[in-house]
């Protein structure tokens, strides 16, 4: 069996502007000559997340309310890249805004959050020797609590379902791949 060939994009239109993403209807033509079909894509800016590690070996987490699951989640700091902002620039800004911490930032890698329906990437970083230098400054629709856990506790927090955000789990996996 031959590997699949790419489909050809032949048009798109914005269906709805949802403030933090656009919903696009995109028309593609299959490589085998069949009739074109419409697909729906969430067109969002790139995201970043960062594992802040203190000199003592603790991870700085953010506990916040998430509207999609209507519950509190335990996450690492993260967010969207502003228009024209690179992931490398966004990571320091988001870390400081959400936690008040700064650290020595290193890239871990990136993933497509859901390539079936999303166009963006999530870039993960680690902030080593993270220290608190200011108070957090959340956006108007954010409310969170800063909590610290030893890095050694993270696998158990994931196993017990205390950390459920897939992109947070991915960031810790990428950190673990460093050896």
C-alpha atoms as a PDB file:
ATOM      1  CA  UNK A   1       0.000   0.000   0.000  1.00  0.00           C
ATOM      2  CA  UNK A   2       1.310   3.452  -0.933  1.00  0.00           C
ATOM      3  CA  UNK A   3       1.568   6.193   1.683  1.00  0.00           C
ATOM      4  CA  UNK A   4      -1.201   8.813   1.550  1.00  0.00           C
ATOM      5  CA  UNK A   5      -0.641  11.880  -0.608  1.00  0.00           C
ATOM      6  CA  UNK A   6      -1.419  15.416   0.525  1.00  0.00           C
ATOM      7  CA  UNK A   7      -4.753  16.969  -0.295  1.00  0.00           C
ATOM      8  CA  UNK A   8      -4.821  20.324  -2.114  1.00  0.00           C
ATOM      9  CA  UNK A   9      -6.382  23.294  -0.355  1.00  0.00           C
ATOM     10  CA  UNK A  10      -8.650  25.080  -2.824  1.00  0.00           C
ATOM     11  CA  UNK A  11     -10.329  27.665  -0.618  1.00  0.00           C
ATOM     12  CA  UNK A  12     -11.458  28.722   2.823  1.00  0.00           C
ATOM     13  CA  UNK A  13     -13.752  31.101   4.638  1.00  0.00           C
ATOM     14  CA  UNK A  14     -14.013  32.238   8.223  1.00  0.00           C
ATOM     15  CA  UNK A  15     -17.174  30.908   9.842  1.00  0.00           C
ATOM     16  CA  UNK A  16     -16.804  32.605  13.215  1.00  0.00           C
ATOM     17  CA  UNK A  17     -14.379  34.769  15.198  1.00  0.00           C
ATOM     18  CA  UNK A  18     -14.257  33.373  18.746  1.00  0.00           C
ATOM     19  CA  UNK A  19     -11.830  35.943  20.290  1.00  0.00           C
ATOM     20  CA  UNK A  20      -9.046  33.410  20.944  1.00  0.00           C
ATOM     21  CA  UNK A  21      -9.449  31.459  17.695  1.00  0.00           C
ATOM     22  CA  UNK A  22     -11.266  31.542  14.359  1.00  0.00           C
ATOM     23  CA  UNK A  23     -13.388  28.712  13.008  1.00  0.00           C
ATOM     24  CA  UNK A  24     -12.568  28.167   9.327  1.00  0.00           C
ATOM     25  CA  UNK A  25     -14.385  26.135   6.700  1.00  0.00           C
ATOM     26  CA  UNK A  26     -11.643  24.839   4.390  1.00  0.00           C
ATOM     27  CA  UNK A  27     -12.243  23.134   1.048  1.00  0.00           C
ATOM     28  CA  UNK A  28      -9.774  20.409   0.016  1.00  0.00           C
ATOM     29  CA  UNK A  29      -9.418  18.349  -3.129  1.00  0.00           C
ATOM     30  CA  UNK A  30      -8.326  14.739  -2.545  1.00  0.00           C
ATOM     31  CA  UNK A  31      -5.278  13.501  -4.491  1.00  0.00           C
ATOM     32  CA  UNK A  32      -7.258  10.693  -6.150  1.00  0.00           C
ATOM     33  CA  UNK A  33      -9.419  13.088  -8.167  1.00  0.00           C
ATOM     34  CA  UNK A  34     -12.643  12.576  -6.207  1.00  0.00           C
ATOM     35  CA  UNK A  35     -14.927  15.500  -5.465  1.00  0.00           C
ATOM     36  CA  UNK A  36     -13.596  18.209  -3.113  1.00  0.00           C
ATOM     37  CA  UNK A  37     -14.864  18.243   0.462  1.00  0.00           C
ATOM     38  CA  UNK A  38     -15.252  20.825   3.228  1.00  0.00           C
ATOM     39  CA  UNK A  39     -13.496  20.464   6.587  1.00  0.00           C
ATOM     40  CA  UNK A  40     -13.535  22.643   9.685  1.00  0.00           C
ATOM     41  CA  UNK A  41     -10.345  23.966  11.226  1.00  0.00           C
ATOM     42  CA  UNK A  42      -9.783  25.835  14.484  1.00  0.00           C
ATOM     43  CA  UNK A  43      -7.299  28.509  13.438  1.00  0.00           C
ATOM     44  CA  UNK A  44      -5.529  29.563  16.629  1.00  0.00           C
ATOM     45  CA  UNK A  45      -2.263  31.298  17.470  1.00  0.00           C
ATOM     46  CA  UNK A  46       0.645  29.183  18.635  1.00  0.00           C
ATOM     47  CA  UNK A  47       0.733  28.384  22.335  1.00  0.00           C
ATOM     48  CA  UNK A  48       3.545  27.994  24.829  1.00  0.00           C
ATOM     49  CA  UNK A  49       3.879  26.285  28.165  1.00  0.00           C
ATOM     50  CA  UNK A  50       6.789  26.206  30.576  1.00  0.00           C
ATOM     51  CA  UNK A  51       7.931  23.919  33.402  1.00  0.00           C
ATOM     52  CA  UNK A  52       9.353  26.334  36.006  1.00  0.00           C
ATOM     53  CA  UNK A  53      11.898  24.546  38.225  1.00  0.00           C
ATOM     54  CA  UNK A  54      13.088  26.278  41.375  1.00  0.00           C
ATOM     55  CA  UNK A  55      16.681  25.876  42.637  1.00  0.00           C
ATOM     56  CA  UNK A  56      15.220  23.525  45.292  1.00  0.00           C
ATOM     57  CA  UNK A  57      13.778  21.198  42.624  1.00  0.00           C
ATOM     58  CA  UNK A  58      10.135  22.234  42.932  1.00  0.00           C
ATOM     59  CA  UNK A  59       7.792  22.839  39.991  1.00  0.00           C
ATOM     60  CA  UNK A  60       5.791  26.068  40.055  1.00  0.00           C
ATOM     61  CA  UNK A  61       2.223  25.140  39.116  1.00  0.00           C
ATOM     62  CA  UNK A  62      -0.885  27.201  38.449  1.00  0.00           C
ATOM     63  CA  UNK A  63      -4.239  25.944  39.744  1.00  0.00           C
ATOM     64  CA  UNK A  64      -7.042  27.626  37.826  1.00  0.00           C
ATOM     65  CA  UNK A  65     -10.639  27.265  36.768  1.00  0.00           C
ATOM     66  CA  UNK A  66     -11.106  25.950  33.218  1.00  0.00           C
ATOM     67  CA  UNK A  67     -14.415  26.629  31.483  1.00  0.00           C
ATOM     68  CA  UNK A  68     -14.242  23.618  29.135  1.00  0.00           C
ATOM     69  CA  UNK A  69     -14.247  21.100  32.005  1.00  0.00           C
ATOM     70  CA  UNK A  70     -15.958  23.439  34.494  1.00  0.00           C
ATOM     71  CA  UNK A  71     -13.440  22.573  37.183  1.00  0.00           C
ATOM     72  CA  UNK A  72     -10.084  23.519  38.657  1.00  0.00           C
ATOM     73  CA  UNK A  73      -6.992  22.104  36.954  1.00  0.00           C
ATOM     74  CA  UNK A  74      -3.350  21.829  37.989  1.00  0.00           C
ATOM     75  CA  UNK A  75      -1.168  23.142  35.167  1.00  0.00           C
ATOM     76  CA  UNK A  76       2.136  24.745  34.361  1.00  0.00           C
ATOM     77  CA  UNK A  77       2.126  28.359  33.152  1.00  0.00           C
ATOM     78  CA  UNK A  78       1.243  28.834  29.515  1.00  0.00           C
ATOM     79  CA  UNK A  79      -0.762  30.778  27.015  1.00  0.00           C
ATOM     80  CA  UNK A  80      -1.080  32.156  23.521  1.00  0.00           C
ATOM     81  CA  UNK A  81       1.549  33.977  21.544  1.00  0.00           C
ATOM     82  CA  UNK A  82       0.425  37.540  20.907  1.00  0.00           C
ATOM     83  CA  UNK A  83       0.174  38.663  17.254  1.00  0.00           C
ATOM     84  CA  UNK A  84       3.707  38.931  15.852  1.00  0.00           C
ATOM     85  CA  UNK A  85       5.233  37.450  19.018  1.00  0.00           C
ATOM     86  CA  UNK A  86       7.525  34.443  18.763  1.00  0.00           C
ATOM     87  CA  UNK A  87       7.151  31.508  21.161  1.00  0.00           C
ATOM     88  CA  UNK A  88      10.604  32.341  22.551  1.00  0.00           C
ATOM     89  CA  UNK A  89       9.369  35.832  23.465  1.00  0.00           C
ATOM     90  CA  UNK A  90       5.973  34.668  24.748  1.00  0.00           C
ATOM     91  CA  UNK A  91       7.355  32.140  27.237  1.00  0.00           C
ATOM     92  CA  UNK A  92       9.100  34.678  29.481  1.00  0.00           C
ATOM     93  CA  UNK A  93       6.099  36.998  29.393  1.00  0.00           C
ATOM     94  CA  UNK A  94       3.615  34.252  30.280  1.00  0.00           C
ATOM     95  CA  UNK A  95       5.829  32.865  33.053  1.00  0.00           C
ATOM     96  CA  UNK A  96       6.146  36.277  34.692  1.00  0.00           C
ATOM     97  CA  UNK A  97       2.462  37.215  34.215  1.00  0.00           C
ATOM     98  CA  UNK A  98       1.065  33.969  35.602  1.00  0.00           C
ATOM     99  CA  UNK A  99       3.534  33.246  38.408  1.00  0.00           C
ATOM    100  CA  UNK A 100       5.785  36.243  39.029  1.00  0.00           C
ATOM    101  CA  UNK A 101       8.787  33.943  38.417  1.00  0.00           C
ATOM    102  CA  UNK A 102      11.781  34.255  36.092  1.00  0.00           C
ATOM    103  CA  UNK A 103      14.304  31.593  35.188  1.00  0.00           C
ATOM    104  CA  UNK A 104      16.843  30.382  32.646  1.00  0.00           C
ATOM    105  CA  UNK A 105      14.573  29.332  29.779  1.00  0.00           C
ATOM    106  CA  UNK A 106      15.420  26.449  27.445  1.00  0.00           C
ATOM    107  CA  UNK A 107      13.253  24.945  24.685  1.00  0.00           C
ATOM    108  CA  UNK A 108      12.015  21.351  25.064  1.00  0.00           C
ATOM    109  CA  UNK A 109      10.162  20.889  21.764  1.00  0.00           C
ATOM    110  CA  UNK A 110       6.787  21.419  20.164  1.00  0.00           C
ATOM    111  CA  UNK A 111       3.689  19.423  19.252  1.00  0.00           C
ATOM    112  CA  UNK A 112       0.489  19.875  17.260  1.00  0.00           C
ATOM    113  CA  UNK A 113      -2.258  19.945  19.954  1.00  0.00           C
ATOM    114  CA  UNK A 114      -4.808  18.304  17.625  1.00  0.00           C
ATOM    115  CA  UNK A 115      -3.764  18.273  13.945  1.00  0.00           C
ATOM    116  CA  UNK A 116      -7.130  16.854  12.871  1.00  0.00           C
ATOM    117  CA  UNK A 117      -8.876  20.159  13.587  1.00  0.00           C
ATOM    118  CA  UNK A 118      -6.278  22.721  14.748  1.00  0.00           C
ATOM    119  CA  UNK A 119      -3.667  24.656  12.789  1.00  0.00           C
ATOM    120  CA  UNK A 120      -1.376  25.710  15.647  1.00  0.00           C
ATOM    121  CA  UNK A 121       1.540  24.291  17.635  1.00  0.00           C
ATOM    122  CA  UNK A 122       2.316  24.237  21.351  1.00  0.00           C
ATOM    123  CA  UNK A 123       5.946  24.986  22.231  1.00  0.00           C
ATOM    124  CA  UNK A 124       7.193  23.637  25.570  1.00  0.00           C
ATOM    125  CA  UNK A 125      10.036  25.056  27.614  1.00  0.00           C
ATOM    126  CA  UNK A 126      11.747  24.566  30.957  1.00  0.00           C
ATOM    127  CA  UNK A 127      12.714  27.525  33.164  1.00  0.00           C
ATOM    128  CA  UNK A 128      15.603  26.393  35.368  1.00  0.00           C
ATOM    129  CA  UNK A 129      16.525  28.145  38.626  1.00  0.00           C
ATOM    130  CA  UNK A 130      13.150  29.900  38.604  1.00  0.00           C
ATOM    131  CA  UNK A 131      12.785  32.484  41.357  1.00  0.00           C
ATOM    132  CA  UNK A 132       9.909  34.749  42.273  1.00  0.00           C
ATOM    133  CA  UNK A 133      10.625  38.357  41.322  1.00  0.00           C
ATOM    134  CA  UNK A 134       7.123  39.885  41.263  1.00  0.00           C
ATOM    135  CA  UNK A 135       3.475  39.259  41.979  1.00  0.00           C
ATOM    136  CA  UNK A 136       1.482  37.462  39.273  1.00  0.00           C
ATOM    137  CA  UNK A 137      -0.542  39.747  36.990  1.00  0.00           C
ATOM    138  CA  UNK A 138      -3.425  37.679  35.565  1.00  0.00           C
ATOM    139  CA  UNK A 139      -5.566  38.777  32.639  1.00  0.00           C
ATOM    140  CA  UNK A 140      -9.090  40.018  33.415  1.00  0.00           C
ATOM    141  CA  UNK A 141     -10.603  36.546  32.808  1.00  0.00           C
ATOM    142  CA  UNK A 142      -7.970  34.619  34.796  1.00  0.00           C
ATOM    143  CA  UNK A 143      -7.924  33.682  38.444  1.00  0.00           C
ATOM    144  CA  UNK A 144      -5.388  31.240  39.786  1.00  0.00           C
ATOM    145  CA  UNK A 145      -3.376  29.998  42.722  1.00  0.00           C
ATOM    146  CA  UNK A 146       0.378  29.304  42.618  1.00  0.00           C
ATOM    147  CA  UNK A 147       1.350  25.938  44.140  1.00  0.00           C
ATOM    148  CA  UNK A 148       4.688  24.136  44.294  1.00  0.00           C
ATOM    149  CA  UNK A 149       5.307  20.395  44.142  1.00  0.00           C
ATOM    150  CA  UNK A 150       8.625  18.557  43.994  1.00  0.00           C
ATOM    151  CA  UNK A 151       9.491  17.483  40.452  1.00  0.00           C
ATOM    152  CA  UNK A 152       9.757  13.915  41.777  1.00  0.00           C
ATOM    153  CA  UNK A 153       6.012  14.014  42.623  1.00  0.00           C
ATOM    154  CA  UNK A 154       4.897  14.799  39.048  1.00  0.00           C
ATOM    155  CA  UNK A 155       4.590  11.186  37.788  1.00  0.00           C
ATOM    156  CA  UNK A 156       2.306  10.370  40.725  1.00  0.00           C
ATOM    157  CA  UNK A 157       0.258  13.559  40.169  1.00  0.00           C
ATOM    158  CA  UNK A 158      -0.303  12.430  36.568  1.00  0.00           C
ATOM    159  CA  UNK A 159      -1.079   8.810  37.539  1.00  0.00           C
ATOM    160  CA  UNK A 160      -3.605   9.907  40.187  1.00  0.00           C
ATOM    161  CA  UNK A 161      -5.378  12.252  37.749  1.00  0.00           C
ATOM    162  CA  UNK A 162      -4.330  15.445  39.522  1.00  0.00           C
ATOM    163  CA  UNK A 163      -2.685  16.662  36.285  1.00  0.00           C
ATOM    164  CA  UNK A 164      -5.046  16.017  33.357  1.00  0.00           C
ATOM    165  CA  UNK A 165      -4.162  18.678  30.782  1.00  0.00           C
ATOM    166  CA  UNK A 166      -2.619  16.759  27.873  1.00  0.00           C
ATOM    167  CA  UNK A 167      -0.229  19.560  26.896  1.00  0.00           C
ATOM    168  CA  UNK A 168       1.085  19.724  30.460  1.00  0.00           C
ATOM    169  CA  UNK A 169       1.653  15.957  30.436  1.00  0.00           C
ATOM    170  CA  UNK A 170       3.437  16.392  27.093  1.00  0.00           C
ATOM    171  CA  UNK A 171       5.733  19.092  28.504  1.00  0.00           C
ATOM    172  CA  UNK A 172       6.769  16.790  31.357  1.00  0.00           C
ATOM    173  CA  UNK A 173       7.328  13.959  28.866  1.00  0.00           C
ATOM    174  CA  UNK A 174       9.566  16.232  26.772  1.00  0.00           C
ATOM    175  CA  UNK A 175      11.449  17.247  29.922  1.00  0.00           C
ATOM    176  CA  UNK A 176      11.942  13.572  30.775  1.00  0.00           C
ATOM    177  CA  UNK A 177      13.372  12.878  27.314  1.00  0.00           C
ATOM    178  CA  UNK A 178      16.279  15.182  28.165  1.00  0.00           C
ATOM    179  CA  UNK A 179      17.664  12.384  30.331  1.00  0.00           C
END
